[in-house]
Amino acid sequence: SPFAVSSNCFVRLTEPYTIKKLVFIGPDHHYPNFDAVMWYAADFSKIIKEQLGLELTVIGKWSDKNKERFKNFPDIKFSGFVADLATEVKDAIMLVPLRIGSGIR
C-alpha cells in the first residue's frame, strides 16, 4: 500500500519549533478510534495538560453523542473534517493511541 501522506507535506526543519498541540486523526465509526480517544482521555489527558500544557485536537467525523462523552475533558477538541490537513497539524505531535485493530499506526 502507498503511504497515506503525500511526501511533499514533509519539510526539513531548519529552526527550532514549539509543539503547540496534539492531534489524532480518525472518525468514531471505527471503534478502535473511539477506544483510542477514550483511553487517552481517561489515562493521559489530565497529566499531559498539567505538565505540558497541550490539548488534543481530534480530526474526523464524530457523532454528537460520542463528542458529548468528552464534555468533562475541556482539553480535548473535535474539529471534524478539515480541508487543509497540513495546516491543522503544523506545530503538532500526531498521536496514534490505538490499542486494538490492525493497519497503519
Protein backbone atom coordinates (compact mmCIF):
# COMPACT_ATOMS: atom_id res chain seq x y z
CA SER A 1 0.00 0.00 0.00
CA PRO A 2 1.23 3.51 -0.70
CA PHE A 3 2.00 5.78 2.24
CA ALA A 4 -1.12 7.70 3.26
CA VAL A 5 0.52 11.15 3.40
CA SER A 6 1.96 12.92 0.38
CA SER A 7 5.74 13.26 0.65
CA ASN A 8 5.53 16.93 -0.36
CA CYS A 9 3.91 17.57 3.04
CA PHE A 10 7.24 16.88 4.71
CA VAL A 11 9.72 19.69 5.08
CA ARG A 12 13.17 19.71 6.63
CA LEU A 13 13.18 21.83 9.75
CA THR A 14 15.98 24.36 9.86
CA GLU A 15 14.94 26.16 13.04
CA PRO A 16 13.67 25.04 16.43
CA TYR A 17 9.91 24.98 16.76
CA THR A 18 7.40 24.76 19.57
CA ILE A 19 4.88 21.95 19.90
CA LYS A 20 1.51 23.65 20.34
CA LYS A 21 -0.94 20.73 20.38
CA LEU A 22 -1.53 17.04 19.94
CA VAL A 23 -3.56 15.69 17.01
CA PHE A 24 -5.43 12.45 16.44
CA ILE A 25 -6.98 11.72 13.04
CA GLY A 26 -9.84 9.25 12.72
CA PRO A 27 -13.65 9.03 12.74
CA ASP A 28 -15.59 7.48 15.61
CA HIS A 29 -17.49 4.99 13.46
CA HIS A 30 -14.31 2.87 13.50
CA TYR A 31 -14.37 1.54 17.06
CA PRO A 32 -10.57 1.43 17.57
CA ASN A 33 -10.53 5.22 17.02
CA PHE A 34 -13.25 5.75 19.62
CA ASP A 35 -11.42 3.46 22.05
CA ALA A 36 -8.16 5.35 21.44
CA VAL A 37 -9.62 8.74 22.37
CA MET A 38 -11.44 7.27 25.39
CA TRP A 39 -8.16 5.71 26.58
CA TYR A 40 -6.29 8.98 26.06
CA ALA A 41 -8.97 10.92 27.93
CA ALA A 42 -9.11 8.54 30.88
CA ASP A 43 -5.41 7.87 31.33
CA PHE A 44 -3.38 10.71 29.83
CA SER A 45 -5.23 13.96 29.10
CA LYS A 46 -5.11 15.48 32.57
CA ILE A 47 -1.41 14.84 33.19
CA ILE A 48 -0.39 15.98 29.70
CA LYS A 49 -2.38 19.20 30.10
CA GLU A 50 -0.94 19.83 33.58
CA GLN A 51 2.68 19.02 32.77
CA LEU A 52 2.98 20.12 29.14
CA GLY A 53 0.02 22.45 28.60
CA LEU A 54 -1.02 20.55 25.48
CA GLU A 55 -4.54 19.89 24.26
CA LEU A 56 -5.69 17.15 21.90
CA THR A 57 -7.45 18.02 18.65
CA VAL A 58 -9.43 15.15 17.15
CA ILE A 59 -9.86 15.42 13.38
CA GLY A 60 -12.56 13.39 11.67
CA LYS A 61 -16.30 12.90 11.79
CA TRP A 62 -17.60 12.18 15.30
CA SER A 63 -21.24 11.92 16.32
CA ASP A 64 -22.65 14.47 18.72
CA LYS A 65 -23.45 11.60 21.10
CA ASN A 66 -19.82 10.50 21.24
CA LYS A 67 -18.44 14.03 21.46
CA GLU A 68 -20.77 14.59 24.43
CA ARG A 69 -18.96 11.78 26.27
CA PHE A 70 -15.91 14.05 26.43
CA LYS A 71 -17.65 17.10 27.88
CA ASN A 72 -15.65 16.72 31.10
CA PHE A 73 -12.38 16.86 29.16
CA PRO A 74 -12.04 20.50 28.08
CA ASP A 75 -8.54 19.75 26.77
CA ILE A 76 -9.99 17.53 24.00
CA LYS A 77 -11.36 19.42 20.99
CA PHE A 78 -13.20 17.99 17.99
CA SER A 79 -12.66 19.78 14.70
CA GLY A 80 -14.46 17.40 12.34
CA PHE A 81 -13.43 17.48 8.69
CA VAL A 82 -10.59 19.87 7.86
CA ALA A 83 -9.89 20.97 4.30
CA ASP A 84 -6.18 21.61 4.84
CA LEU A 85 -4.65 18.85 6.93
CA ALA A 86 -1.11 20.22 6.60
CA THR A 87 -2.14 23.48 8.28
CA GLU A 88 -4.05 21.67 11.01
CA VAL A 89 -1.08 19.51 12.01
CA LYS A 90 1.50 22.30 11.87
CA ASP A 91 3.39 22.56 15.17
CA ALA A 92 1.67 19.41 16.44
CA ILE A 93 2.56 15.92 17.51
CA MET A 94 0.32 13.35 15.89
CA LEU A 95 -0.82 10.65 18.32
CA VAL A 96 -1.94 7.15 17.46
CA PRO A 97 -3.06 5.71 20.81
CA LEU A 98 -4.67 2.66 19.20
CA ARG A 99 -4.83 -0.40 21.41
CA ILE A 100 -6.95 -2.60 19.17
CA GLY A 101 -7.41 -3.17 15.45
CA SER A 102 -4.91 -3.51 12.65
CA GLY A 103 -3.41 -1.47 9.83
CA ILE A 104 -1.08 1.52 9.69
CA ARG A 105 -0.28 3.12 13.04
